[in-house]
C-alpha atoms as a PDB file:
ATOM      1  CA  MET A   1      16.150  26.332  -9.939  1.00  0.00           C
ATOM      2  CA  ARG A   2      15.802  25.662  -6.227  1.00  0.00           C
ATOM      3  CA  PRO A   3      16.812  28.344  -3.676  1.00  0.00           C
ATOM      4  CA  THR A   4      18.701  27.452  -0.521  1.00  0.00           C
ATOM      5  CA  LYS A   5      19.561  29.343   2.629  1.00  0.00           C
ATOM      6  CA  ASP A   6      22.915  27.543   2.965  1.00  0.00           C
ATOM      7  CA  LEU A   7      24.705  26.239  -0.129  1.00  0.00           C
ATOM      8  CA  ASP A   8      27.329  24.292   1.832  1.00  0.00           C
ATOM      9  CA  THR A   9      24.715  22.429   3.889  1.00  0.00           C
ATOM     10  CA  THR A  10      22.705  21.687   0.757  1.00  0.00           C
ATOM     11  CA  GLU A  11      25.801  20.425  -1.063  1.00  0.00           C
ATOM     12  CA  THR A  12      26.630  18.171   1.882  1.00  0.00           C
ATOM     13  CA  PHE A  13      23.099  16.699   1.771  1.00  0.00           C
ATOM     14  CA  TRP A  14      23.009  16.063  -1.990  1.00  0.00           C
ATOM     15  CA  VAL A  15      26.641  15.042  -2.529  1.00  0.00           C
ATOM     16  CA  GLU A  16      27.825  13.350   0.665  1.00  0.00           C
ATOM     17  CA  GLY A  17      24.371  12.118   1.721  1.00  0.00           C
ATOM     18  CA  VAL A  18      22.395  11.282  -1.404  1.00  0.00           C
ATOM     19  CA  GLY A  19      25.539  10.575  -3.402  1.00  0.00           C
ATOM     20  CA  LEU A  20      24.952  12.778  -6.415  1.00  0.00           C
ATOM     21  CA  GLU A  21      27.944  14.431  -8.020  1.00  0.00           C
ATOM     22  CA  ALA A  22      28.729  18.124  -7.760  1.00  0.00           C
ATOM     23  CA  LEU A  23      28.766  18.859 -11.491  1.00  0.00           C
ATOM     24  CA  TRP A  24      29.415  22.593 -11.138  1.00  0.00           C
ATOM     25  CA  ARG A  25      29.743  25.128  -8.368  1.00  0.00           C
ATOM     26  CA  ASN A  26      30.309  28.855  -8.720  1.00  0.00           C
ATOM     27  CA  ASP A  27      31.007  30.673  -5.473  1.00  0.00           C
ATOM     28  CA  HIS A  28      32.025  33.917  -7.194  1.00  0.00           C
ATOM     29  CA  PRO A  29      29.045  35.110  -9.226  1.00  0.00           C
ATOM     30  CA  HIS A  30      28.934  38.370 -11.152  1.00  0.00           C
ATOM     31  CA  ALA A  31      27.133  41.380  -9.674  1.00  0.00           C
ATOM     32  CA  GLY A  32      23.423  40.703  -9.198  1.00  0.00           C
ATOM     33  CA  GLU A  33      23.826  36.925  -9.424  1.00  0.00           C
ATOM     34  CA  HIS A  34      23.935  34.275  -6.712  1.00  0.00           C
ATOM     35  CA  ALA A  35      26.324  31.413  -6.024  1.00  0.00           C
ATOM     36  CA  LEU A  36      25.175  28.289  -7.847  1.00  0.00           C
ATOM     37  CA  LEU A  37      25.521  24.538  -7.411  1.00  0.00           C
ATOM     38  CA  MET A  38      24.549  21.886  -9.939  1.00  0.00           C
ATOM     39  CA  VAL A  39      24.253  18.281  -8.724  1.00  0.00           C
ATOM     40  CA  GLY A  40      23.355  15.176 -10.669  1.00  0.00           C
ATOM     41  CA  VAL A  41      24.792  12.123 -12.356  1.00  0.00           C
ATOM     42  CA  ALA A  42      27.637  12.647 -14.821  1.00  0.00           C
ATOM     43  CA  GLY A  43      26.454  12.064 -18.367  1.00  0.00           C
ATOM     44  CA  ALA A  44      22.745  12.263 -17.487  1.00  0.00           C
ATOM     45  CA  VAL A  45      20.455  14.625 -19.381  1.00  0.00           C
ATOM     46  CA  TRP A  46      19.323  16.295 -16.146  1.00  0.00           C
ATOM     47  CA  HIS A  47      20.720  18.041 -13.086  1.00  0.00           C
ATOM     48  CA  LEU A  48      19.363  19.831 -10.051  1.00  0.00           C
ATOM     49  CA  GLU A  49      20.267  23.515  -9.938  1.00  0.00           C
ATOM     50  CA  ILE A  50      20.522  25.047  -6.486  1.00  0.00           C
ATOM     51  CA  VAL A  51      21.004  28.777  -6.018  1.00  0.00           C
ATOM     52  CA  ASP A  52      22.366  30.339  -2.823  1.00  0.00           C
ATOM     53  CA  ASP A  53      19.582  32.825  -2.145  1.00  0.00           C
ATOM     54  CA  PRO A  54      18.593  32.949   1.542  1.00  0.00           C
ATOM     55  CA  ALA A  55      15.846  35.528   0.902  1.00  0.00           C
ATOM     56  CA  ALA A  56      14.169  33.407  -1.796  1.00  0.00           C
ATOM     57  CA  ALA A  57      14.626  30.283   0.325  1.00  0.00           C
ATOM     58  CA  ALA A  58      12.874  31.997   3.242  1.00  0.00           C
ATOM     59  CA  GLU A  59       9.947  32.887   0.958  1.00  0.00           C
ATOM     60  CA  SER A  60       9.842  29.411  -0.589  1.00  0.00           C
ATOM     61  CA  ARG A  61       7.299  27.190   1.083  1.00  0.00           C
ATOM     62  CA  PRO A  62       7.637  23.686  -0.334  1.00  0.00           C
ATOM     63  CA  SER A  63       4.372  21.824   0.151  1.00  0.00           C
ATOM     64  CA  ALA A  64       3.868  18.190   1.109  1.00  0.00           C
ATOM     65  CA  GLU A  65       3.136  17.495  -2.569  1.00  0.00           C
ATOM     66  CA  ASP A  66       6.351  19.097  -3.913  1.00  0.00           C
ATOM     67  CA  LEU A  67       8.351  15.922  -4.422  1.00  0.00           C
ATOM     68  CA  LEU A  68      11.507  14.970  -6.254  1.00  0.00           C
ATOM     69  CA  VAL A  69      11.080  11.240  -6.882  1.00  0.00           C
ATOM     70  CA  LEU A  70      13.966   8.938  -7.752  1.00  0.00           C
ATOM     71  CA  TYR A  71      12.606   5.691  -9.189  1.00  0.00           C
ATOM     72  CA  LEU A  72      15.253   3.171  -8.183  1.00  0.00           C
ATOM     73  CA  GLY A  73      13.593  -0.070  -9.261  1.00  0.00           C
ATOM     74  CA  GLU A  74      14.522  -1.566  -5.889  1.00  0.00           C
ATOM     75  CA  SER A  75      14.316  -0.628  -2.227  1.00  0.00           C
ATOM     76  CA  ALA A  76      16.761   1.993  -1.031  1.00  0.00           C
ATOM     77  CA  ASP A  77      19.544   0.413   0.991  1.00  0.00           C
ATOM     78  CA  PRO A  78      18.924   1.267   4.684  1.00  0.00           C
ATOM     79  CA  GLN A  79      22.596   2.254   5.066  1.00  0.00           C
ATOM     80  CA  TRP A  80      22.131   4.762   2.237  1.00  0.00           C
ATOM     81  CA  VAL A  81      19.074   6.233   3.972  1.00  0.00           C
ATOM     82  CA  ASP A  82      21.055   6.419   7.232  1.00  0.00           C
ATOM     83  CA  ARG A  83      23.880   8.205   5.382  1.00  0.00           C
ATOM     84  CA  ILE A  84      21.428  10.710   3.903  1.00  0.00           C
ATOM     85  CA  CYS A  85      20.039  11.376   7.390  1.00  0.00           C
ATOM     86  CA  ALA A  86      23.544  11.745   8.827  1.00  0.00           C
ATOM     87  CA  HIS A  87      24.123  14.506   6.258  1.00  0.00           C
ATOM     88  CA  GLY A  88      21.068  16.623   7.005  1.00  0.00           C
ATOM     89  CA  GLY A  89      18.057  14.600   5.838  1.00  0.00           C
ATOM     90  CA  THR A  90      15.095  13.528   7.928  1.00  0.00           C
ATOM     91  CA  VAL A  91      12.832  10.585   7.117  1.00  0.00           C
ATOM     92  CA  VAL A  92       9.223  11.803   7.286  1.00  0.00           C
ATOM     93  CA  PRO A  93       5.848  10.216   6.639  1.00  0.00           C
ATOM     94  CA  SER A  94       4.438  11.204   3.270  1.00  0.00           C
ATOM     95  CA  ARG A  95       1.218  13.163   3.042  1.00  0.00           C
ATOM     96  CA  ASN A  96       0.152  10.697   0.372  1.00  0.00           C
ATOM     97  CA  PRO A  97       0.262   7.102   1.711  1.00  0.00           C
ATOM     98  CA  TYR A  98       1.170   5.949  -1.810  1.00  0.00           C
ATOM     99  CA  TRP A  99       4.759   7.081  -1.242  1.00  0.00           C
ATOM    100  CA  ASP A 100       4.990   5.344   2.137  1.00  0.00           C
ATOM    101  CA  GLN A 101       3.941   2.140   0.360  1.00  0.00           C
ATOM    102  CA  TRP A 102       6.320   2.543  -2.580  1.00  0.00           C
ATOM    103  CA  GLY A 103       9.360   4.180  -0.995  1.00  0.00           C
ATOM    104  CA  VAL A 104      10.801   6.386   1.687  1.00  0.00           C
ATOM    105  CA  THR A 105      10.340  10.157   1.918  1.00  0.00           C
ATOM    106  CA  ILE A 106      13.207  12.338   3.149  1.00  0.00           C
ATOM    107  CA  LYS A 107      13.087  16.054   3.950  1.00  0.00           C
ATOM    108  CA  ASP A 108      16.211  17.951   2.887  1.00  0.00           C
ATOM    109  CA  PRO A 109      17.729  20.780   4.983  1.00  0.00           C
ATOM    110  CA  ASP A 110      15.580  23.373   3.158  1.00  0.00           C
ATOM    111  CA  GLY A 111      12.338  21.445   3.693  1.00  0.00           C
ATOM    112  CA  HIS A 112      12.070  19.989   0.180  1.00  0.00           C
ATOM    113  CA  LEU A 113      11.011  16.356  -0.111  1.00  0.00           C
ATOM    114  CA  LEU A 114      12.929  13.567  -1.818  1.00  0.00           C
ATOM    115  CA  VAL A 115      11.282  10.189  -2.392  1.00  0.00           C
ATOM    116  CA  LEU A 116      13.436   7.120  -2.951  1.00  0.00           C
ATOM    117  CA  SER A 117      10.912   4.872  -4.672  1.00  0.00           C
ATOM    118  CA  HIS A 118      11.425   1.180  -5.300  1.00  0.00           C
ATOM    119  CA  ARG A 119       9.132   1.416  -8.328  1.00  0.00           C
ATOM    120  CA  THR A 120      10.344   2.060 -11.861  1.00  0.00           C
ATOM    121  CA  TRP A 121       9.389   4.785 -14.308  1.00  0.00           C
ATOM    122  CA  GLY A 122      10.379   4.929 -17.974  1.00  0.00           C
ATOM    123  CA  PRO A 123      13.887   3.963 -19.073  1.00  0.00           C
ATOM    124  CA  ARG A 124      15.969   2.983 -16.094  1.00  0.00           C
ATOM    125  CA  THR A 125      18.626   5.460 -15.001  1.00  0.00           C
ATOM    126  CA  THR A 126      20.783   4.219 -12.189  1.00  0.00           C
ATOM    127  CA  VAL A 127      21.417   6.556  -9.287  1.00  0.00           C
ATOM    128  CA  THR A 128      24.376   5.102  -7.490  1.00  0.00           C
ATOM    129  CA  PRO A 129      25.700   6.887  -4.420  1.00  0.00           C
ATOM    130  CA  VAL A 130      29.225   8.082  -5.111  1.00  0.00           C
ATOM    131  CA  PRO A 131      31.966   9.385  -2.835  1.00  0.00           C
ATOM    132  CA  SER A 132      31.903  13.122  -2.299  1.00  0.00           C
ATOM    133  CA  GLN A 133      33.540  15.239  -4.971  1.00  0.00           C
ATOM    134  CA  ARG A 134      33.085  18.937  -4.547  1.00  0.00           C
ATOM    135  CA  VAL A 135      34.001  21.195  -7.466  1.00  0.00           C
ATOM    136  CA  ARG A 136      34.874  24.851  -7.751  1.00  0.00           C
ATOM    137  CA  GLY A 137      33.225  27.262 -10.179  1.00  0.00           C
ATOM    138  CA  ASP A 138      35.910  26.491 -12.766  1.00  0.00           C
ATOM    139  CA  GLY A 139      34.914  22.806 -12.786  1.00  0.00           C
ATOM    140  CA  VAL A 140      38.024  21.668 -10.930  1.00  0.00           C
ATOM    141  CA  PRO A 141      37.507  19.328  -7.943  1.00  0.00           C
ATOM    142  CA  ARG A 142      38.305  20.985  -4.630  1.00  0.00           C
END
């Protein structure tokens, strides 16, 4: 689970920028819980869970080696990278030159790093940018 200081900004980055789908969002948690957003690819066996917890996000110090790597099997389309940057991302040089050689590194609004690598890894899973679709906590698009 990844904390964020601003769930709306984070959703904009991952959904409208990166192009992942908002699989679930709950803005009305029970007492003691936090709002939650799950983004990913429909039907995949994974998702990224983001919790709206400004205090935890302030304490979180992602390092230059904390990377989420998407192995695309081809270079990221420059228009896609521009779209990600227009929605809160920043292209940054990687601490490890390996990633500059094999992809592009983007800092998200909370300081976490995303690498769009043109290498492949294991069975190929296609990450295709999709139009924005935000969902409410009951799973209904909003």
